[in-house]
């Protein structure tokens, strides 16, 4: 039985309190727009197949302000532990695990079972990270990471993969190209890395 099913049953009999996250109502665009890197991180899973091995699930942490792909990891499940493993990588890569800041990044996710678990809520609370979840059946809330996964699949699925290592190598190369060589019109034709690392004004000058 999934974590989501257990939660629904316990909630129906009023045996569990609501978790400490915010559920966003559906709207045409995200109301609380970010103004700097590491203010809000979008996260989601997508699935990819390795022939002879089965399905693998790619967990990604994307910075909302810059679209920079901070961290990613392949898993064979989509559990809360997989989410926290990816978040650990993102905190290390961004330096947010060491920096003493007033506000840690908020996490924006959908309502998948790995994201509504108590284990994830406890993990985020220990690290003083807020969790925001989009409205059900409204993927536009996580539009930036959904668009990234669409771009990834359009390129990744052009080839067959027979070993997990081959798939990881291809994803790694694509993330590097996306972060440092792909220019975004929505970012004033900067790359995600230019915006994330604050190089935009220097480049303009």
Protein backbone atom coordinates (compact mmCIF):
# COMPACT_ATOMS: atom_id res chain seq x y z
CA UNK A 1 0.00 0.00 0.00
CA UNK A 2 1.36 3.42 -0.93
CA UNK A 3 2.05 6.22 1.54
CA UNK A 4 -0.63 8.32 -0.17
CA UNK A 5 -3.29 5.61 0.36
CA UNK A 6 -2.37 5.26 4.04
CA UNK A 7 -2.58 9.02 4.47
CA UNK A 8 -6.02 9.23 2.79
CA UNK A 9 -7.44 6.44 5.00
CA UNK A 10 -6.07 7.92 8.22
CA UNK A 11 -7.25 11.38 7.23
CA UNK A 12 -10.77 10.10 6.42
CA UNK A 13 -11.09 8.77 9.99
CA UNK A 14 -9.56 11.91 11.47
CA UNK A 15 -6.59 9.95 12.84
CA UNK A 16 -3.87 12.20 11.46
CA UNK A 17 -3.33 15.93 11.38
CA UNK A 18 -2.73 17.79 8.15
CA UNK A 19 0.96 18.14 7.31
CA UNK A 20 2.64 21.53 7.55
CA UNK A 21 2.75 22.55 3.90
CA UNK A 22 0.88 25.04 1.76
CA UNK A 23 -1.25 23.88 -1.19
CA UNK A 24 -1.44 26.45 -3.95
CA UNK A 25 -4.71 27.01 -5.76
CA UNK A 26 -4.59 26.82 -9.54
CA UNK A 27 -4.00 30.06 -11.43
CA UNK A 28 -2.62 31.15 -14.79
CA UNK A 29 0.80 31.99 -13.35
CA UNK A 30 2.77 31.69 -10.14
CA UNK A 31 1.70 34.61 -7.93
CA UNK A 32 4.76 34.85 -5.64
CA UNK A 33 7.44 35.32 -8.27
CA UNK A 34 11.04 34.81 -7.24
CA UNK A 35 13.51 37.68 -7.23
CA UNK A 36 16.81 35.88 -6.60
CA UNK A 37 18.47 32.44 -6.87
CA UNK A 38 17.84 29.84 -4.14
CA UNK A 39 14.58 31.46 -3.13
CA UNK A 40 12.40 28.66 -4.53
CA UNK A 41 13.36 25.25 -5.88
CA UNK A 42 11.07 23.25 -8.14
CA UNK A 43 11.31 19.46 -7.96
CA UNK A 44 9.71 16.55 -9.78
CA UNK A 45 10.30 13.01 -11.04
CA UNK A 46 10.22 11.81 -14.62
CA UNK A 47 10.72 8.27 -15.91
CA UNK A 48 13.20 6.82 -18.41
CA UNK A 49 13.73 3.24 -19.56
CA UNK A 50 16.94 1.23 -19.75
CA UNK A 51 16.51 -1.84 -21.97
CA UNK A 52 16.84 -5.03 -19.96
CA UNK A 53 16.82 -3.10 -16.67
CA UNK A 54 13.38 -1.51 -16.63
CA UNK A 55 12.23 1.95 -15.59
CA UNK A 56 14.39 4.50 -13.80
CA UNK A 57 13.10 7.68 -12.20
CA UNK A 58 14.97 10.95 -12.54
CA UNK A 59 14.64 13.32 -9.59
CA UNK A 60 15.62 16.93 -10.32
CA UNK A 61 16.01 20.14 -8.30
CA UNK A 62 15.61 23.24 -10.50
CA UNK A 63 16.12 26.81 -9.29
CA UNK A 64 12.93 28.73 -10.06
CA UNK A 65 14.56 32.14 -10.61
CA UNK A 66 17.36 31.08 -12.97
CA UNK A 67 16.11 27.69 -14.26
CA UNK A 68 19.50 26.34 -13.22
CA UNK A 69 19.56 22.56 -12.73
CA UNK A 70 21.13 22.39 -9.27
CA UNK A 71 21.06 18.62 -8.72
CA UNK A 72 19.66 15.41 -10.17
CA UNK A 73 19.84 11.69 -9.46
CA UNK A 74 18.46 8.48 -10.96
CA UNK A 75 16.48 6.08 -8.75
CA UNK A 76 14.52 2.85 -9.13
CA UNK A 77 11.70 4.21 -6.91
CA UNK A 78 10.05 7.57 -6.17
CA UNK A 79 10.05 7.46 -2.37
CA UNK A 80 10.60 10.28 0.11
CA UNK A 81 14.15 9.05 0.72
CA UNK A 82 14.89 9.56 -2.97
CA UNK A 83 13.60 13.13 -2.69
CA UNK A 84 15.78 13.87 0.34
CA UNK A 85 18.84 12.32 -1.34
CA UNK A 86 18.40 14.73 -4.26
CA UNK A 87 17.82 17.64 -1.90
CA UNK A 88 21.03 16.77 -0.04
CA UNK A 89 22.91 17.04 -3.34
CA UNK A 90 21.23 20.39 -4.08
CA UNK A 91 22.03 21.82 -0.65
CA UNK A 92 25.68 20.82 -1.04
CA UNK A 93 25.96 22.09 -4.64
CA UNK A 94 24.36 25.44 -3.79
CA UNK A 95 26.24 25.91 -0.53
CA UNK A 96 22.96 26.32 1.34
CA UNK A 97 23.98 23.55 3.74
CA UNK A 98 26.87 25.72 4.97
CA UNK A 99 25.63 29.30 4.57
CA UNK A 100 23.93 30.94 7.53
CA UNK A 101 20.92 32.59 5.91
CA UNK A 102 17.61 33.79 7.31
CA UNK A 103 15.52 31.87 4.79
CA UNK A 104 16.43 28.52 3.26
CA UNK A 105 15.02 27.72 -0.21
CA UNK A 106 11.33 26.86 -0.35
CA UNK A 107 10.49 23.60 -2.11
CA UNK A 108 7.75 23.50 -4.77
CA UNK A 109 6.44 20.07 -5.77
CA UNK A 110 3.34 18.26 -6.96
CA UNK A 111 1.26 15.88 -4.83
CA UNK A 112 3.14 12.66 -5.53
CA UNK A 113 3.38 10.12 -2.71
CA UNK A 114 7.06 10.89 -2.11
CA UNK A 115 6.24 14.57 -1.58
CA UNK A 116 3.33 14.21 0.85
CA UNK A 117 5.07 11.80 3.23
CA UNK A 118 5.67 12.59 6.87
CA UNK A 119 9.33 11.61 6.48
CA UNK A 120 9.88 14.41 3.96
CA UNK A 121 7.97 16.90 6.14
CA UNK A 122 10.20 16.05 9.13
CA UNK A 123 13.36 16.27 6.99
CA UNK A 124 12.39 19.72 5.68
CA UNK A 125 11.43 20.95 9.13
CA UNK A 126 14.83 19.90 10.52
CA UNK A 127 16.48 22.01 7.81
CA UNK A 128 14.06 24.94 8.16
CA UNK A 129 12.79 24.60 4.60
CA UNK A 130 9.19 25.43 3.71
CA UNK A 131 7.24 23.19 1.36
CA UNK A 132 4.73 24.48 -1.20
CA UNK A 133 2.62 22.05 -3.24
CA UNK A 134 0.78 22.87 -6.43
CA UNK A 135 -2.91 22.25 -6.97
CA UNK A 136 -3.79 18.74 -8.14
CA UNK A 137 -4.13 18.21 -11.90
CA UNK A 138 -2.47 21.58 -12.60
CA UNK A 139 1.11 20.87 -13.81
CA UNK A 140 1.51 24.49 -14.95
CA UNK A 141 2.41 25.39 -11.34
CA UNK A 142 5.66 23.46 -11.84
CA UNK A 143 5.88 24.65 -15.44
CA UNK A 144 9.63 25.28 -15.51
CA UNK A 145 10.63 21.82 -14.37
CA UNK A 146 7.93 20.24 -16.55
CA UNK A 147 9.42 22.10 -19.53
CA UNK A 148 12.92 20.91 -18.58
CA UNK A 149 11.76 17.30 -18.43
CA UNK A 150 10.10 17.70 -21.84
CA UNK A 151 13.35 19.06 -23.30
CA UNK A 152 15.30 16.23 -21.67
CA UNK A 153 13.03 13.50 -23.02
CA UNK A 154 13.00 14.97 -26.53
CA UNK A 155 16.77 14.51 -26.64
CA UNK A 156 17.36 11.51 -24.37
CA UNK A 157 14.79 9.31 -26.08
CA UNK A 158 16.46 9.67 -29.47
CA UNK A 159 18.68 6.72 -28.47
CA UNK A 160 18.30 3.37 -26.70
CA UNK A 161 20.16 2.72 -23.46
CA UNK A 162 21.29 -0.71 -22.32
CA UNK A 163 23.16 0.24 -19.14
CA UNK A 164 22.17 2.70 -16.38
CA UNK A 165 25.65 4.22 -16.60
CA UNK A 166 25.09 5.11 -20.27
CA UNK A 167 21.86 6.89 -19.38
CA UNK A 168 23.53 8.79 -16.51
CA UNK A 169 26.34 9.88 -18.81
CA UNK A 170 23.87 11.21 -21.39
CA UNK A 171 21.85 13.07 -18.74
CA UNK A 172 25.02 14.58 -17.29
CA UNK A 173 26.09 15.91 -20.70
CA UNK A 174 22.63 17.31 -21.38
CA UNK A 175 22.43 19.04 -17.98
CA UNK A 176 25.84 20.62 -18.58
CA UNK A 177 24.72 21.91 -21.99
CA UNK A 178 21.39 23.16 -20.60
CA UNK A 179 22.96 24.97 -17.64
CA UNK A 180 25.92 26.59 -19.40
CA UNK A 181 25.27 26.76 -23.14
CA UNK A 182 21.51 27.01 -23.71
CA UNK A 183 20.29 30.60 -23.86
CA UNK A 184 16.76 31.40 -22.68
CA UNK A 185 14.71 34.24 -24.10
CA UNK A 186 12.87 34.46 -20.76
CA UNK A 187 16.27 35.05 -19.09
CA UNK A 188 17.21 37.95 -21.44
CA UNK A 189 19.14 35.45 -23.55
CA UNK A 190 21.42 34.44 -20.70
CA UNK A 191 22.12 30.84 -19.76
CA UNK A 192 20.75 29.48 -16.46
CA UNK A 193 24.31 29.45 -15.08
CA UNK A 194 24.79 33.14 -16.00
CA UNK A 195 21.72 34.07 -13.97
CA UNK A 196 22.28 31.65 -11.09
CA UNK A 197 25.86 32.79 -10.50
CA UNK A 198 25.05 36.48 -11.02
CA UNK A 199 27.07 37.06 -14.18
CA UNK A 200 24.25 38.77 -16.12
CA UNK A 201 25.15 42.42 -15.49
CA UNK A 202 28.85 41.80 -16.09
CA UNK A 203 28.07 40.18 -19.44
CA UNK A 204 25.83 43.11 -20.46
CA UNK A 205 28.57 45.62 -19.61
